[in-house]
N, C-alpha and C. Protein backbone atom coordinates (compact mmCIF):
# COMPACT_ATOMS: atom_id res chain seq x y z
N MET A 1 0.78 -1.19 -0.03
CA MET A 1 -0.01 0.00 -0.01
C MET A 1 0.96 1.32 -0.08
N LYS A 2 1.96 1.27 0.83
CA LYS A 2 2.74 2.50 0.87
C LYS A 2 3.39 2.71 -0.46
N GLY A 3 3.75 1.74 -1.23
CA GLY A 3 4.33 1.82 -2.55
C GLY A 3 3.51 2.59 -3.44
N VAL A 4 2.16 2.31 -3.45
CA VAL A 4 1.29 3.09 -4.34
C VAL A 4 1.13 4.55 -3.98
N TYR A 5 1.00 4.80 -2.69
CA TYR A 5 0.88 6.32 -2.26
C TYR A 5 2.22 6.90 -2.42
N GLY A 6 3.32 6.37 -2.26
CA GLY A 6 4.53 7.00 -2.44
C GLY A 6 4.75 7.32 -3.94
N PHE A 7 4.28 6.51 -4.71
CA PHE A 7 4.37 6.83 -6.20
C PHE A 7 3.74 8.17 -6.72
N VAL A 8 2.56 8.45 -6.07
CA VAL A 8 1.89 9.64 -6.32
C VAL A 8 2.08 10.66 -5.30
N GLU A 9 2.94 10.45 -4.39
CA GLU A 9 3.46 11.41 -3.37
C GLU A 9 2.39 11.90 -2.39
N LEU A 10 1.50 11.00 -2.02
CA LEU A 10 0.57 11.33 -0.95
C LEU A 10 1.03 10.93 0.49
N THR A 11 0.73 11.87 1.34
CA THR A 11 1.15 11.40 2.71
C THR A 11 0.24 10.47 3.18
N ASP A 12 0.48 9.85 4.31
CA ASP A 12 -0.34 8.80 4.82
C ASP A 12 -1.66 9.38 5.33
N LYS A 13 -1.86 10.74 5.58
CA LYS A 13 -3.09 11.30 6.08
C LYS A 13 -3.93 11.58 4.91
N GLU A 14 -3.51 11.82 3.76
CA GLU A 14 -4.42 12.31 2.69
C GLU A 14 -5.44 11.09 2.26
N PRO A 15 -5.00 9.83 2.13
CA PRO A 15 -6.02 8.77 1.94
C PRO A 15 -7.01 8.56 3.17
N LYS A 16 -6.55 8.91 4.29
CA LYS A 16 -7.45 8.78 5.44
C LYS A 16 -8.55 10.07 5.32
N ALA A 17 -8.13 11.11 4.92
CA ALA A 17 -9.00 12.38 4.81
C ALA A 17 -10.00 11.98 3.63
N ARG A 18 -9.52 11.31 2.62
CA ARG A 18 -10.38 10.81 1.44
C ARG A 18 -11.45 9.84 2.07
N ASP A 19 -10.95 8.96 2.92
CA ASP A 19 -11.98 7.98 3.62
C ASP A 19 -13.09 8.70 4.35
N ILE A 20 -12.59 9.85 4.95
CA ILE A 20 -13.53 10.61 5.88
C ILE A 20 -14.65 11.23 4.84
N LEU A 21 -14.11 11.84 3.81
CA LEU A 21 -14.97 12.47 2.83
C LEU A 21 -16.02 11.31 2.28
N ASP A 22 -15.41 10.31 1.89
CA ASP A 22 -16.19 9.24 1.32
C ASP A 22 -17.42 8.72 2.21
N LYS A 23 -16.99 8.61 3.48
CA LYS A 23 -18.02 8.25 4.41
C LYS A 23 -19.14 9.22 4.68
N VAL A 24 -18.69 10.47 4.64
CA VAL A 24 -19.77 11.61 4.78
C VAL A 24 -20.60 11.60 3.71
N GLN A 25 -20.10 11.36 2.47
CA GLN A 25 -21.00 11.21 1.33
C GLN A 25 -21.89 10.04 1.40
N GLN A 26 -21.39 8.99 1.96
CA GLN A 26 -22.24 7.80 1.97
C GLN A 26 -23.36 7.94 3.00
N LEU A 27 -23.07 8.50 4.08
CA LEU A 27 -24.14 8.74 5.24
C LEU A 27 -25.00 9.92 4.93
N GLY A 28 -24.72 10.77 4.15
CA GLY A 28 -25.51 11.89 3.83
C GLY A 28 -24.94 13.11 4.68
N ASP A 29 -25.42 14.23 4.19
CA ASP A 29 -25.05 15.61 5.01
C ASP A 29 -25.57 15.60 6.34
N GLY A 30 -24.84 16.11 7.35
CA GLY A 30 -25.43 16.24 8.64
C GLY A 30 -25.09 15.08 9.41
N SER A 31 -23.99 14.32 9.04
CA SER A 31 -23.69 13.03 9.75
C SER A 31 -23.00 13.56 10.98
N PRO A 32 -23.40 12.89 12.08
CA PRO A 32 -22.70 13.17 13.44
C PRO A 32 -21.19 12.70 13.33
N ILE A 33 -20.39 13.51 13.91
CA ILE A 33 -18.82 13.22 13.78
C ILE A 33 -18.73 11.84 14.63
N ARG A 34 -19.45 11.55 15.55
CA ARG A 34 -19.24 10.35 16.36
C ARG A 34 -19.59 9.29 15.55
N ASP A 35 -20.50 9.23 14.67
CA ASP A 35 -20.75 8.07 13.88
C ASP A 35 -19.84 7.74 12.82
N ILE A 36 -19.20 8.85 12.28
CA ILE A 36 -18.12 8.53 11.33
C ILE A 36 -16.88 8.06 11.91
N LYS A 37 -16.52 8.64 13.13
CA LYS A 37 -15.42 8.13 13.79
C LYS A 37 -15.53 6.56 14.20
N GLN A 38 -16.79 6.32 14.43
CA GLN A 38 -17.05 4.80 14.86
C GLN A 38 -16.87 3.90 13.66
N LEU A 39 -17.38 4.34 12.59
CA LEU A 39 -17.35 3.52 11.36
C LEU A 39 -15.85 3.49 10.77
N LEU A 40 -14.99 4.36 11.08
CA LEU A 40 -13.65 4.37 10.58
C LEU A 40 -12.64 4.09 11.60
N LYS A 41 -12.99 3.52 12.81
CA LYS A 41 -12.09 3.40 13.88
C LYS A 41 -10.99 2.38 13.50
N LYS A 42 -11.20 1.43 12.61
CA LYS A 42 -10.03 0.52 12.22
C LYS A 42 -9.09 1.02 11.39
N LEU A 43 -9.50 2.22 10.57
CA LEU A 43 -8.50 2.91 9.79
C LEU A 43 -7.92 4.06 10.36
N ILE A 44 -8.60 4.77 11.13
CA ILE A 44 -8.08 6.08 11.71
C ILE A 44 -8.13 5.97 13.21
N ARG A 45 -6.99 6.19 13.90
CA ARG A 45 -6.98 6.29 15.36
C ARG A 45 -7.82 7.43 15.81
N SER A 46 -8.42 7.43 17.01
CA SER A 46 -9.19 8.50 17.53
C SER A 46 -8.41 9.77 17.75
N ASP A 47 -7.15 9.59 18.26
CA ASP A 47 -6.41 10.78 18.55
C ASP A 47 -5.99 11.59 17.21
N GLU A 48 -5.90 10.89 16.12
CA GLU A 48 -5.51 11.47 14.81
C GLU A 48 -6.67 12.00 14.05
N PHE A 49 -7.90 11.71 14.39
CA PHE A 49 -9.12 11.91 13.59
C PHE A 49 -9.34 13.37 13.40
N GLU A 50 -9.20 14.17 14.41
CA GLU A 50 -9.45 15.61 14.39
C GLU A 50 -8.41 16.30 13.54
N ALA A 51 -7.16 15.90 13.63
CA ALA A 51 -6.18 16.42 12.78
C ALA A 51 -6.42 16.24 11.33
N ILE A 52 -6.77 14.99 11.00
CA ILE A 52 -7.05 14.59 9.71
C ILE A 52 -8.24 15.30 9.14
N CYS A 53 -9.27 15.54 9.99
CA CYS A 53 -10.49 16.26 9.64
C CYS A 53 -10.25 17.68 9.16
N LYS A 54 -9.13 18.23 9.77
CA LYS A 54 -8.86 19.67 9.41
C LYS A 54 -8.40 19.91 8.03
N MET A 55 -7.84 18.85 7.61
CA MET A 55 -7.24 19.01 6.12
C MET A 55 -8.31 19.34 5.10
N PRO A 56 -9.45 18.51 4.99
CA PRO A 56 -10.53 18.79 4.01
C PRO A 56 -11.20 20.03 4.37
N GLU A 57 -11.25 20.29 5.73
CA GLU A 57 -12.10 21.57 6.18
C GLU A 57 -11.32 22.79 5.63
N GLU A 58 -10.03 22.85 5.81
CA GLU A 58 -9.27 23.94 5.37
C GLU A 58 -9.23 24.14 3.86
N ALA A 59 -9.44 23.06 3.16
CA ALA A 59 -9.49 22.99 1.64
C ALA A 59 -10.91 23.43 1.12
N GLY A 60 -11.90 23.49 2.12
CA GLY A 60 -13.14 23.81 1.65
C GLY A 60 -13.99 22.55 1.14
N GLU A 61 -13.47 21.35 1.50
CA GLU A 61 -14.11 20.20 0.95
C GLU A 61 -15.11 19.51 2.04
N LEU A 62 -15.12 20.03 3.30
CA LEU A 62 -15.81 19.50 4.28
C LEU A 62 -16.21 20.66 5.19
N LEU A 63 -17.57 20.60 5.69
CA LEU A 63 -18.09 21.51 6.65
C LEU A 63 -18.31 21.01 7.99
N ARG A 64 -17.92 21.53 9.05
CA ARG A 64 -18.25 21.15 10.41
C ARG A 64 -19.15 22.19 11.01
N THR A 65 -20.33 21.52 11.54
CA THR A 65 -21.32 22.48 12.02
C THR A 65 -21.64 21.95 13.49
N PRO A 66 -21.60 22.88 14.36
CA PRO A 66 -21.84 22.52 15.78
C PRO A 66 -23.43 22.15 15.86
N LYS A 67 -23.62 21.15 16.56
CA LYS A 67 -24.98 20.62 16.87
C LYS A 67 -25.03 20.10 18.38
N GLY A 68 -25.43 21.01 19.26
CA GLY A 68 -25.38 20.57 20.72
C GLY A 68 -24.12 20.55 21.18
N LYS A 69 -23.79 19.43 21.79
CA LYS A 69 -22.36 19.28 22.30
C LYS A 69 -21.40 18.65 21.36
N THR A 70 -21.99 18.33 20.27
CA THR A 70 -21.02 17.65 19.27
C THR A 70 -21.08 18.30 17.86
N PHE A 71 -20.56 17.79 16.87
CA PHE A 71 -20.52 18.44 15.60
C PHE A 71 -21.11 17.53 14.55
N THR A 72 -21.56 18.02 13.42
CA THR A 72 -21.93 17.35 12.25
C THR A 72 -20.99 17.62 11.08
N LEU A 73 -20.74 16.72 10.33
CA LEU A 73 -19.95 16.85 9.05
C LEU A 73 -20.85 16.76 7.78
N SER A 74 -20.47 17.64 6.99
CA SER A 74 -21.23 17.59 5.63
C SER A 74 -20.40 18.11 4.59
N LEU A 75 -20.81 17.90 3.44
CA LEU A 75 -20.14 18.28 2.17
C LEU A 75 -20.70 19.66 1.79
N PRO A 76 -19.92 20.64 1.23
CA PRO A 76 -20.40 21.89 0.81
C PRO A 76 -21.36 21.53 -0.38
N LYS A 77 -22.40 22.38 -0.48
CA LYS A 77 -23.45 22.38 -1.57
C LYS A 77 -22.70 22.75 -2.88
N ILE A 78 -23.06 22.22 -3.96
CA ILE A 78 -22.46 22.54 -5.32
C ILE A 78 -23.00 24.01 -5.58
N GLY A 79 -22.09 24.80 -5.93
CA GLY A 79 -22.38 26.29 -6.23
C GLY A 79 -22.35 27.28 -5.09
N SER A 80 -22.15 26.62 -3.83
CA SER A 80 -22.05 27.58 -2.66
C SER A 80 -20.63 27.96 -2.48
N GLN A 81 -20.49 28.96 -1.93
CA GLN A 81 -19.11 29.64 -1.73
C GLN A 81 -18.77 29.53 -0.17
N VAL A 82 -17.61 29.12 0.06
CA VAL A 82 -17.06 28.96 1.43
C VAL A 82 -16.35 30.29 1.76
N LEU A 83 -16.84 31.00 2.76
CA LEU A 83 -16.28 32.30 3.14
C LEU A 83 -15.18 32.07 4.11
N SER A 84 -14.00 32.69 3.81
CA SER A 84 -12.79 32.59 4.62
C SER A 84 -12.75 33.71 5.58
């Protein structure tokens, strides 16, 4: 696996970030962060999940919305602009 990612020069966090985005897309918008963590617990350690989540957030590919004491993750709508 490392040989494939090394060939296209991806860090080990980038495929994990893609896994998070894929899981949010599968579950639909407004997915609780707890559910996504639970489903990806074999791929992503709990202590690195937050750091990996920040990568697509900063790129504008993932939105984190507070909901009560937790957060939900969703994909930005097509045609919407992310304000910085």
